Amino acid sequence: MMKLFRNIRFKLATENKAFGYMRYAIGEIVLVVIGILIALQVNNWNEHQKQKKQETIYLQNLSIDLKKQIQLQDIYIGFEDIIIQDCKDITAHYEQNNGFKTMDSIFPKINDLSARMTFTNANTTLLEMINSGEINIIDNESLKKELMEFNQLIERFATNTVNNNTNLVDQIVARNVI
């Protein structure tokens, strides 16, 4: 094919047909430009396909992380339910006995009140996406917004949990020091 184009170009140049040669050169330039545009379009399509695959992987990992987060929250809620039940038992004991005269039955429950769980954030994929800027790979704007709001909610919950645990420990230490 290249040999054919060379022969045509050589023939036009040797016959001194400037207009024909110009038309040939412009045609060649147009063909090159069209080839480049097609190559760019194919490259853009390939990049879009890669991005779609990466988005699918991220969404699958987010689903796994969120299920794990729900399990951890259920454990945390279960722990807090035990604390609430212990408080109810202690209150009932106090009311039934007009005070804390016999402590043997409720002493373990009182001791449990000082126990606390730390919060575990299992949203590693979401944190990775936010920190790397890959959150923008998600096309669904409402999902992206909800994920960002969820992350803020989890961070607030983690901060509150740490603060509450710290305050509890500070109060226990202060009470024992005084």
N, C-alpha and C. Protein backbone atom coordinates (compact mmCIF):
# COMPACT_ATOMS: atom_id res chain seq x y z
N MET A 1 0.83 -1.18 0.00
CA MET A 1 0.00 0.00 0.00
C MET A 1 0.88 1.26 0.00
N MET A 2 1.91 1.22 0.86
CA MET A 2 2.82 2.38 0.92
C MET A 2 3.56 2.55 -0.41
N LYS A 3 3.88 1.45 -1.04
CA LYS A 3 4.58 1.51 -2.32
C LYS A 3 3.70 2.18 -3.37
N LEU A 4 2.41 1.87 -3.34
CA LEU A 4 1.46 2.48 -4.27
C LEU A 4 1.42 4.00 -4.07
N PHE A 5 1.34 4.44 -2.80
CA PHE A 5 1.32 5.89 -2.53
C PHE A 5 2.63 6.55 -2.96
N ARG A 6 3.73 5.88 -2.74
CA ARG A 6 5.02 6.45 -3.16
C ARG A 6 5.07 6.60 -4.68
N ASN A 7 4.57 5.59 -5.38
CA ASN A 7 4.57 5.65 -6.85
C ASN A 7 3.70 6.79 -7.35
N ILE A 8 2.53 6.96 -6.74
CA ILE A 8 1.64 8.05 -7.16
C ILE A 8 2.31 9.39 -6.90
N ARG A 9 2.90 9.53 -5.72
CA ARG A 9 3.56 10.79 -5.37
C ARG A 9 4.73 11.06 -6.32
N PHE A 10 5.52 10.04 -6.59
CA PHE A 10 6.66 10.19 -7.49
C PHE A 10 6.19 10.58 -8.88
N LYS A 11 5.11 9.93 -9.36
CA LYS A 11 4.60 10.21 -10.70
C LYS A 11 4.11 11.65 -10.80
N LEU A 12 3.36 12.09 -9.76
CA LEU A 12 2.85 13.47 -9.79
C LEU A 12 4.00 14.49 -9.70
N ALA A 13 5.01 14.18 -8.91
CA ALA A 13 6.13 15.11 -8.75
C ALA A 13 6.95 15.19 -10.03
N THR A 14 7.15 14.08 -10.72
CA THR A 14 7.99 14.09 -11.91
C THR A 14 7.26 14.69 -13.10
N GLU A 15 5.94 14.59 -13.13
CA GLU A 15 5.18 15.18 -14.23
C GLU A 15 4.92 16.66 -14.01
N ASN A 16 5.40 17.17 -12.89
CA ASN A 16 5.29 18.60 -12.58
C ASN A 16 3.84 19.06 -12.50
N LYS A 17 3.03 18.23 -11.88
CA LYS A 17 1.63 18.58 -11.69
C LYS A 17 1.46 19.02 -10.24
N ALA A 18 1.67 20.28 -9.99
CA ALA A 18 1.64 20.83 -8.63
C ALA A 18 0.26 20.72 -8.01
N PHE A 19 -0.77 21.01 -8.79
CA PHE A 19 -2.12 20.95 -8.26
C PHE A 19 -2.49 19.51 -7.87
N GLY A 20 -2.17 18.58 -8.68
CA GLY A 20 -2.45 17.17 -8.39
C GLY A 20 -1.65 16.70 -7.18
N TYR A 21 -0.40 17.13 -7.11
CA TYR A 21 0.44 16.76 -5.97
C TYR A 21 -0.11 17.37 -4.68
N MET A 22 -0.57 18.62 -4.76
CA MET A 22 -1.14 19.28 -3.60
C MET A 22 -2.39 18.55 -3.12
N ARG A 23 -3.22 18.18 -4.10
CA ARG A 23 -4.44 17.46 -3.75
C ARG A 23 -4.09 16.12 -3.08
N TYR A 24 -3.09 15.47 -3.60
CA TYR A 24 -2.64 14.20 -3.02
C TYR A 24 -2.13 14.42 -1.58
N ALA A 25 -1.32 15.48 -1.37
CA ALA A 25 -0.74 15.76 -0.05
C ALA A 25 -1.84 16.09 0.97
N ILE A 26 -2.82 16.88 0.54
CA ILE A 26 -3.92 17.22 1.43
C ILE A 26 -4.71 15.96 1.77
N GLY A 27 -4.94 15.13 0.82
CA GLY A 27 -5.64 13.86 1.05
C GLY A 27 -4.90 12.99 2.05
N GLU A 28 -3.57 12.96 1.91
CA GLU A 28 -2.75 12.18 2.84
C GLU A 28 -2.84 12.75 4.26
N ILE A 29 -2.81 14.07 4.37
CA ILE A 29 -2.91 14.72 5.68
C ILE A 29 -4.27 14.42 6.31
N VAL A 30 -5.31 14.52 5.50
CA VAL A 30 -6.66 14.22 6.00
C VAL A 30 -6.72 12.77 6.48
N LEU A 31 -6.14 11.85 5.72
CA LEU A 31 -6.15 10.45 6.14
C LEU A 31 -5.40 10.26 7.47
N VAL A 32 -4.28 10.94 7.63
CA VAL A 32 -3.51 10.84 8.88
C VAL A 32 -4.32 11.40 10.04
N VAL A 33 -4.95 12.55 9.83
CA VAL A 33 -5.76 13.17 10.89
C VAL A 33 -6.93 12.25 11.27
N ILE A 34 -7.60 11.70 10.29
CA ILE A 34 -8.71 10.78 10.57
C ILE A 34 -8.19 9.56 11.34
N GLY A 35 -7.03 9.05 10.95
CA GLY A 35 -6.44 7.91 11.67
C GLY A 35 -6.14 8.25 13.12
N ILE A 36 -5.60 9.44 13.34
CA ILE A 36 -5.29 9.87 14.71
C ILE A 36 -6.57 10.02 15.52
N LEU A 37 -7.60 10.63 14.93
CA LEU A 37 -8.87 10.80 15.64
C LEU A 37 -9.51 9.45 15.99
N ILE A 38 -9.42 8.51 15.07
CA ILE A 38 -9.95 7.17 15.35
C ILE A 38 -9.16 6.53 16.48
N ALA A 39 -7.84 6.65 16.45
CA ALA A 39 -7.00 6.08 17.50
C ALA A 39 -7.32 6.72 18.86
N LEU A 40 -7.51 8.03 18.89
CA LEU A 40 -7.88 8.71 20.14
C LEU A 40 -9.24 8.24 20.65
N GLN A 41 -10.18 8.06 19.74
CA GLN A 41 -11.50 7.60 20.14
C GLN A 41 -11.43 6.19 20.72
N VAL A 42 -10.66 5.31 20.10
CA VAL A 42 -10.49 3.95 20.61
C VAL A 42 -9.81 3.98 21.98
N ASN A 43 -8.80 4.83 22.12
CA ASN A 43 -8.10 4.96 23.40
C ASN A 43 -9.05 5.47 24.49
N ASN A 44 -9.86 6.48 24.17
CA ASN A 44 -10.83 7.00 25.14
C ASN A 44 -11.84 5.92 25.53
N TRP A 45 -12.27 5.14 24.57
CA TRP A 45 -13.22 4.06 24.85
C TRP A 45 -12.58 3.03 25.77
N ASN A 46 -11.32 2.67 25.49
CA ASN A 46 -10.61 1.71 26.34
C ASN A 46 -10.45 2.25 27.76
N GLU A 47 -10.10 3.53 27.90
CA GLU A 47 -9.95 4.12 29.22
C GLU A 47 -11.28 4.13 29.97
N HIS A 48 -12.35 4.42 29.24
CA HIS A 48 -13.68 4.41 29.87
C HIS A 48 -14.03 3.00 30.35
N GLN A 49 -13.71 1.99 29.56
CA GLN A 49 -13.97 0.61 29.95
C GLN A 49 -13.17 0.23 31.19
N LYS A 50 -11.90 0.65 31.24
CA LYS A 50 -11.07 0.38 32.43
C LYS A 50 -11.68 1.06 33.66
N GLN A 51 -12.14 2.30 33.49
CA GLN A 51 -12.73 3.05 34.59
C GLN A 51 -14.01 2.36 35.07
N LYS A 52 -14.81 1.84 34.15
CA LYS A 52 -16.04 1.13 34.52
C LYS A 52 -15.70 -0.13 35.30
N LYS A 53 -14.67 -0.86 34.88
CA LYS A 53 -14.26 -2.06 35.62
C LYS A 53 -13.79 -1.69 37.02
N GLN A 54 -13.01 -0.61 37.13
CA GLN A 54 -12.52 -0.17 38.44
C GLN A 54 -13.69 0.27 39.32
N GLU A 55 -14.68 0.95 38.73
CA GLU A 55 -15.86 1.36 39.49
C GLU A 55 -16.60 0.13 40.03
N THR A 56 -16.73 -0.90 39.20
CA THR A 56 -17.39 -2.13 39.63
C THR A 56 -16.65 -2.78 40.79
N ILE A 57 -15.33 -2.82 40.71
CA ILE A 57 -14.51 -3.39 41.78
C ILE A 57 -14.70 -2.59 43.07
N TYR A 58 -14.64 -1.27 42.95
CA TYR A 58 -14.84 -0.41 44.13
C TYR A 58 -16.22 -0.64 44.75
N LEU A 59 -17.24 -0.71 43.92
CA LEU A 59 -18.59 -0.90 44.44
C LEU A 59 -18.75 -2.25 45.13
N GLN A 60 -18.12 -3.28 44.57
CA GLN A 60 -18.15 -4.59 45.23
C GLN A 60 -17.44 -4.54 46.58
N ASN A 61 -16.28 -3.90 46.62
CA ASN A 61 -15.53 -3.78 47.87
C ASN A 61 -16.29 -2.92 48.89
N LEU A 62 -16.96 -1.87 48.42
CA LEU A 62 -17.77 -1.04 49.31
C LEU A 62 -18.90 -1.86 49.92
N SER A 63 -19.50 -2.70 49.12
CA SER A 63 -20.58 -3.56 49.62
C SER A 63 -20.07 -4.49 50.72
N ILE A 64 -18.92 -5.09 50.49
CA ILE A 64 -18.32 -5.99 51.49
C ILE A 64 -18.01 -5.21 52.77
N ASP A 65 -17.39 -4.03 52.62
CA ASP A 65 -17.04 -3.20 53.79
C ASP A 65 -18.28 -2.78 54.56
N LEU A 66 -19.33 -2.40 53.86
CA LEU A 66 -20.55 -1.95 54.54
C LEU A 66 -21.22 -3.09 55.29
N LYS A 67 -21.20 -4.28 54.72
CA LYS A 67 -21.76 -5.44 55.43
C LYS A 67 -20.94 -5.72 56.70
N LYS A 68 -19.62 -5.60 56.58
CA LYS A 68 -18.76 -5.79 57.76
C LYS A 68 -19.03 -4.71 58.80
N GLN A 69 -19.24 -3.46 58.34
CA GLN A 69 -19.53 -2.36 59.26
C GLN A 69 -20.84 -2.60 59.99
N ILE A 70 -21.84 -3.12 59.28
CA ILE A 70 -23.13 -3.43 59.91
C ILE A 70 -22.95 -4.49 60.99
N GLN A 71 -22.14 -5.52 60.69
CA GLN A 71 -21.89 -6.56 61.69
C GLN A 71 -21.21 -5.98 62.93
N LEU A 72 -20.23 -5.12 62.72
CA LEU A 72 -19.53 -4.50 63.85
C LEU A 72 -20.47 -3.60 64.64
N GLN A 73 -21.33 -2.87 63.94
CA GLN A 73 -22.30 -2.02 64.64
C GLN A 73 -23.28 -2.86 65.44
N ASP A 74 -23.69 -4.00 64.89
CA ASP A 74 -24.60 -4.89 65.64
C ASP A 74 -23.93 -5.39 66.91
N ILE A 75 -22.65 -5.72 66.83
CA ILE A 75 -21.91 -6.15 68.03
C ILE A 75 -21.84 -5.00 69.03
N TYR A 76 -21.55 -3.81 68.53
CA TYR A 76 -21.47 -2.63 69.39
C TYR A 76 -22.81 -2.36 70.07
N ILE A 77 -23.89 -2.44 69.31
CA ILE A 77 -25.23 -2.22 69.87
C ILE A 77 -25.55 -3.29 70.90
N GLY A 78 -25.18 -4.54 70.60
CA GLY A 78 -25.40 -5.63 71.56
C GLY A 78 -24.67 -5.37 72.87
N PHE A 79 -23.45 -4.88 72.78
CA PHE A 79 -22.68 -4.54 73.98
C PHE A 79 -23.36 -3.44 74.77
N GLU A 80 -23.81 -2.41 74.06
CA GLU A 80 -24.51 -1.31 74.74
C GLU A 80 -25.83 -1.77 75.33
N ASP A 81 -26.51 -2.72 74.67
CA ASP A 81 -27.75 -3.27 75.23
C ASP A 81 -27.48 -3.97 76.56
N ILE A 82 -26.36 -4.66 76.65
CA ILE A 82 -25.98 -5.32 77.91
C ILE A 82 -25.78 -4.27 79.01
N ILE A 83 -25.11 -3.17 78.67
CA ILE A 83 -24.89 -2.08 79.63
C ILE A 83 -26.24 -1.51 80.09
N ILE A 84 -27.14 -1.30 79.14
CA ILE A 84 -28.47 -0.76 79.49
C ILE A 84 -29.22 -1.74 80.40
N GLN A 85 -29.16 -3.03 80.07
CA GLN A 85 -29.84 -4.02 80.90
C GLN A 85 -29.22 -4.07 82.31
N ASP A 86 -27.90 -3.97 82.39
CA ASP A 86 -27.24 -3.93 83.70
C ASP A 86 -27.72 -2.73 84.52
N CYS A 87 -27.86 -1.58 83.85
CA CYS A 87 -28.36 -0.39 84.54
C CYS A 87 -29.78 -0.62 85.07
N LYS A 88 -30.61 -1.23 84.26
CA LYS A 88 -31.98 -1.53 84.69
C LYS A 88 -31.97 -2.49 85.88
N ASP A 89 -31.10 -3.50 85.82
CA ASP A 89 -31.02 -4.47 86.92
C ASP A 89 -30.53 -3.80 88.21
N ILE A 90 -29.56 -2.92 88.09
CA ILE A 90 -29.03 -2.21 89.26
C ILE A 90 -30.11 -1.31 89.86
N THR A 91 -30.83 -0.59 88.99
CA THR A 91 -31.91 0.28 89.46
C THR A 91 -33.00 -0.54 90.15
N ALA A 92 -33.37 -1.65 89.53
CA ALA A 92 -34.41 -2.51 90.14
C ALA A 92 -33.94 -3.04 91.49
N HIS A 93 -32.67 -3.44 91.58
CA HIS A 93 -32.12 -3.93 92.85
C HIS A 93 -32.18 -2.84 93.92
N TYR A 94 -31.82 -1.64 93.53
CA TYR A 94 -31.83 -0.51 94.47
C TYR A 94 -33.24 -0.26 94.99
N GLU A 95 -34.21 -0.25 94.06
CA GLU A 95 -35.59 0.02 94.46
C GLU A 95 -36.17 -1.10 95.33
N GLN A 96 -35.84 -2.34 95.02
CA GLN A 96 -36.38 -3.47 95.79
C GLN A 96 -35.78 -3.56 97.19
N ASN A 97 -34.54 -3.18 97.34
CA ASN A 97 -33.84 -3.32 98.62
C ASN A 97 -33.70 -1.99 99.37
N ASN A 98 -34.32 -0.96 98.89
CA ASN A 98 -34.20 0.36 99.51
C ASN A 98 -32.74 0.76 99.69
N GLY A 99 -31.98 0.58 98.65
CA GLY A 99 -30.57 0.93 98.68
C GLY A 99 -29.71 -0.24 98.26
N PHE A 100 -28.44 -0.08 98.48
CA PHE A 100 -27.49 -1.14 98.11
C PHE A 100 -27.00 -1.84 99.37
N LYS A 101 -27.86 -2.62 99.99
CA LYS A 101 -27.47 -3.33 101.21
C LYS A 101 -26.72 -4.61 100.89
N THR A 102 -27.20 -5.34 99.92
CA THR A 102 -26.51 -6.57 99.50
C THR A 102 -26.00 -6.36 98.08
N MET A 103 -24.71 -6.30 97.96
CA MET A 103 -24.09 -5.95 96.68
C MET A 103 -23.63 -7.17 95.89
N ASP A 104 -23.63 -8.35 96.50
CA ASP A 104 -23.06 -9.52 95.83
C ASP A 104 -23.71 -9.80 94.48
N SER A 105 -25.02 -9.65 94.39
CA SER A 105 -25.71 -10.00 93.14
C SER A 105 -25.51 -8.95 92.04
N ILE A 106 -25.26 -7.73 92.43
CA ILE A 106 -25.14 -6.69 91.40
C ILE A 106 -23.71 -6.17 91.21
N PHE A 107 -22.80 -6.61 92.03
CA PHE A 107 -21.42 -6.11 91.91
C PHE A 107 -20.84 -6.36 90.51
N PRO A 108 -21.01 -7.56 89.92
CA PRO A 108 -20.50 -7.75 88.55
C PRO A 108 -21.15 -6.79 87.55
N LYS A 109 -22.43 -6.48 87.74
CA LYS A 109 -23.12 -5.57 86.82
C LYS A 109 -22.58 -4.14 86.97
N ILE A 110 -22.30 -3.74 88.19
CA ILE A 110 -21.70 -2.42 88.41
C ILE A 110 -20.32 -2.36 87.78
N ASN A 111 -19.58 -3.43 87.92
CA ASN A 111 -18.26 -3.50 87.32
C ASN A 111 -18.35 -3.41 85.80
N ASP A 112 -19.37 -4.05 85.20
CA ASP A 112 -19.54 -4.02 83.74
C ASP A 112 -19.79 -2.61 83.22
N LEU A 113 -20.35 -1.73 84.06
CA LEU A 113 -20.65 -0.37 83.62
C LEU A 113 -19.40 0.41 83.24
N SER A 114 -18.27 0.01 83.78
CA SER A 114 -17.03 0.74 83.46
C SER A 114 -16.36 0.20 82.20
N ALA A 115 -16.89 -0.88 81.67
CA ALA A 115 -16.31 -1.45 80.44
C ALA A 115 -16.85 -0.70 79.23
N ARG A 116 -16.00 -0.51 78.23
CA ARG A 116 -16.41 0.16 76.99
C ARG A 116 -15.73 -0.51 75.81
N MET A 117 -16.42 -0.45 74.68
CA MET A 117 -15.87 -0.97 73.43
C MET A 117 -15.32 0.20 72.62
N THR A 118 -14.25 -0.05 71.92
CA THR A 118 -13.76 0.95 70.99
C THR A 118 -14.45 0.73 69.65
N PHE A 119 -14.55 1.79 68.90
CA PHE A 119 -15.22 1.72 67.60
C PHE A 119 -14.21 1.30 66.54
N THR A 120 -14.64 0.41 65.67
CA THR A 120 -13.80 -0.03 64.56
C THR A 120 -14.45 0.42 63.25
N ASN A 121 -13.72 1.21 62.50
CA ASN A 121 -14.22 1.66 61.20
C ASN A 121 -13.77 0.65 60.14
N ALA A 122 -14.73 -0.05 59.57
CA ALA A 122 -14.42 -1.08 58.58
C ALA A 122 -14.56 -0.58 57.15
N ASN A 123 -14.66 0.71 56.97
CA ASN A 123 -14.88 1.27 55.64
C ASN A 123 -13.56 1.63 54.95
N THR A 124 -12.67 0.67 54.86
CA THR A 124 -11.35 0.95 54.30
C THR A 124 -11.41 1.33 52.83
N THR A 125 -12.31 0.71 52.08
CA THR A 125 -12.40 1.04 50.65
C THR A 125 -12.85 2.48 50.47
N LEU A 126 -13.86 2.87 51.23
CA LEU A 126 -14.36 4.25 51.12
C LEU A 126 -13.29 5.26 51.53
N LEU A 127 -12.59 4.98 52.61
CA LEU A 127 -11.52 5.89 53.04
C LEU A 127 -10.42 5.97 51.97
N GLU A 128 -10.08 4.83 51.39
CA GLU A 128 -9.06 4.81 50.34
C GLU A 128 -9.52 5.63 49.13
N MET A 129 -10.79 5.47 48.76
CA MET A 129 -11.31 6.21 47.62
C MET A 129 -11.32 7.72 47.89
N ILE A 130 -11.71 8.11 49.08
CA ILE A 130 -11.76 9.54 49.42
C ILE A 130 -10.36 10.13 49.46
N ASN A 131 -9.43 9.43 50.11
CA ASN A 131 -8.08 9.96 50.26
C ASN A 131 -7.32 10.02 48.94
N SER A 132 -7.61 9.11 48.01
CA SER A 132 -6.90 9.09 46.73
C SER A 132 -7.63 9.89 45.66
N GLY A 133 -8.84 10.37 45.96
CA GLY A 133 -9.61 11.11 44.97
C GLY A 133 -10.35 10.20 44.00
N GLU A 134 -10.30 8.90 44.23
CA GLU A 134 -10.97 7.94 43.36
C GLU A 134 -12.47 7.90 43.58
N ILE A 135 -12.98 8.65 44.54
CA ILE A 135 -14.42 8.69 44.77
C ILE A 135 -15.12 9.22 43.53
N ASN A 136 -14.42 10.01 42.73
CA ASN A 136 -15.00 10.58 41.52
C ASN A 136 -15.18 9.56 40.42
N ILE A 137 -14.66 8.35 40.62
CA ILE A 137 -14.83 7.30 39.62
C ILE A 137 -16.28 6.80 39.61
N ILE A 138 -17.00 7.05 40.70
CA ILE A 138 -18.40 6.63 40.78
C ILE A 138 -19.24 7.62 39.98
N ASP A 139 -19.98 7.10 39.01
CA ASP A 139 -20.79 7.95 38.14
C ASP A 139 -22.06 8.45 38.81
N ASN A 140 -22.63 7.64 39.67
CA ASN A 140 -23.90 7.98 40.31
C ASN A 140 -23.66 9.06 41.36
N GLU A 141 -24.09 10.28 41.06
CA GLU A 141 -23.84 11.42 41.94
C GLU A 141 -24.54 11.28 43.29
N SER A 142 -25.77 10.76 43.30
CA SER A 142 -26.48 10.63 44.57
C SER A 142 -25.82 9.58 45.46
N LEU A 143 -25.33 8.49 44.86
CA LEU A 143 -24.60 7.48 45.64
C LEU A 143 -23.32 8.07 46.21
N LYS A 144 -22.62 8.82 45.39
CA LYS A 144 -21.38 9.47 45.84
C LYS A 144 -21.66 10.40 47.03
N LYS A 145 -22.74 11.17 46.94
CA LYS A 145 -23.11 12.09 48.01
C LYS A 145 -23.47 11.31 49.28
N GLU A 146 -24.23 10.23 49.14
CA GLU A 146 -24.61 9.43 50.30
C GLU A 146 -23.39 8.77 50.94
N LEU A 147 -22.45 8.32 50.14
CA LEU A 147 -21.22 7.73 50.69
C LEU A 147 -20.42 8.76 51.47
N MET A 148 -20.34 9.98 50.97
CA MET A 148 -19.61 11.04 51.67
C MET A 148 -20.32 11.38 52.99
N GLU A 149 -21.64 11.45 52.96
CA GLU A 149 -22.40 11.73 54.19
C GLU A 149 -22.24 10.59 55.19
N PHE A 150 -22.25 9.35 54.70
CA PHE A 150 -22.05 8.19 55.57
C PHE A 150 -20.68 8.25 56.22
N ASN A 151 -19.67 8.62 55.45
CA ASN A 151 -18.32 8.72 56.00
C ASN A 151 -18.27 9.78 57.11
N GLN A 152 -18.91 10.91 56.89
CA GLN A 152 -18.95 11.95 57.92
C GLN A 152 -19.67 11.47 59.17
N LEU A 153 -20.76 10.73 58.99
CA LEU A 153 -21.51 10.19 60.11
C LEU A 153 -20.66 9.20 60.91
N ILE A 154 -19.95 8.33 60.21
CA ILE A 154 -19.09 7.34 60.87
C ILE A 154 -17.96 8.04 61.62
N GLU A 155 -17.37 9.06 61.01
CA GLU A 155 -16.29 9.79 61.68
C GLU A 155 -16.81 10.48 62.94
N ARG A 156 -18.01 11.05 62.87
CA ARG A 156 -18.62 11.69 64.04
C ARG A 156 -18.88 10.66 65.13
N PHE A 157 -19.41 9.49 64.73
CA PHE A 157 -19.68 8.43 65.69
C PHE A 157 -18.38 7.95 66.35
N ALA A 158 -17.33 7.78 65.54
CA ALA A 158 -16.04 7.34 66.08
C ALA A 158 -15.49 8.37 67.06
N THR A 159 -15.58 9.64 66.71
CA THR A 159 -15.09 10.69 67.60
C THR A 159 -15.88 10.71 68.90
N ASN A 160 -17.20 10.61 68.81
CA ASN A 160 -18.04 10.60 70.02
C ASN A 160 -17.72 9.39 70.90
N THR A 161 -17.52 8.25 70.28
CA THR A 161 -17.21 7.03 71.05
C THR A 161 -15.88 7.19 71.78
N VAL A 162 -14.88 7.70 71.10
CA VAL A 162 -13.57 7.91 71.73
C VAL A 162 -13.70 8.92 72.87
N ASN A 163 -14.41 10.01 72.62
CA ASN A 163 -14.60 11.03 73.67
C ASN A 163 -15.35 10.47 74.87
N ASN A 164 -16.41 9.72 74.63
CA ASN A 164 -17.17 9.13 75.74
C ASN A 164 -16.31 8.15 76.54
N ASN A 165 -15.55 7.32 75.84
CA ASN A 165 -14.68 6.37 76.53
C ASN A 165 -13.60 7.10 77.33
N THR A 166 -13.05 8.14 76.76
CA THR A 166 -12.03 8.93 77.45
C THR A 166 -12.62 9.60 78.69
N ASN A 167 -13.80 10.18 78.53
CA ASN A 167 -14.47 10.82 79.68
C ASN A 167 -14.76 9.82 80.79
N LEU A 168 -15.20 8.62 80.42
CA LEU A 168 -15.48 7.59 81.42
C LEU A 168 -14.22 7.22 82.19
N VAL A 169 -13.14 7.00 81.45
CA VAL A 169 -11.87 6.65 82.10
C VAL A 169 -11.39 7.79 82.98
N ASP A 170 -11.50 9.03 82.50
CA ASP A 170 -11.10 10.19 83.31
C ASP A 170 -11.90 10.28 84.59
N GLN A 171 -13.20 10.02 84.50
CA GLN A 171 -14.03 10.08 85.70
C GLN A 171 -13.69 8.97 86.69
N ILE A 172 -13.41 7.78 86.17
CA ILE A 172 -13.04 6.66 87.05
C ILE A 172 -11.72 6.97 87.75
N VAL A 173 -10.75 7.47 86.99
CA VAL A 173 -9.44 7.80 87.58
C VAL A 173 -9.59 8.92 88.58
N ALA A 174 -10.35 9.96 88.25
CA ALA A 174 -10.53 11.09 89.16
C ALA A 174 -11.21 10.66 90.44
N ARG A 175 -12.17 9.76 90.34
CA ARG A 175 -12.87 9.28 91.52
C ARG A 175 -11.92 8.47 92.40
N ASN A 176 -11.04 7.68 91.81
CA ASN A 176 -10.12 6.86 92.57
C ASN A 176 -8.98 7.67 93.18
N VAL A 177 -8.64 8.80 92.55
CA VAL A 177 -7.57 9.64 93.06
C VAL A 177 -8.05 10.46 94.25
N ILE A 178 -9.27 10.92 94.21
CA ILE A 178 -9.82 11.78 95.26
C ILE A 178 -10.12 10.94 96.43
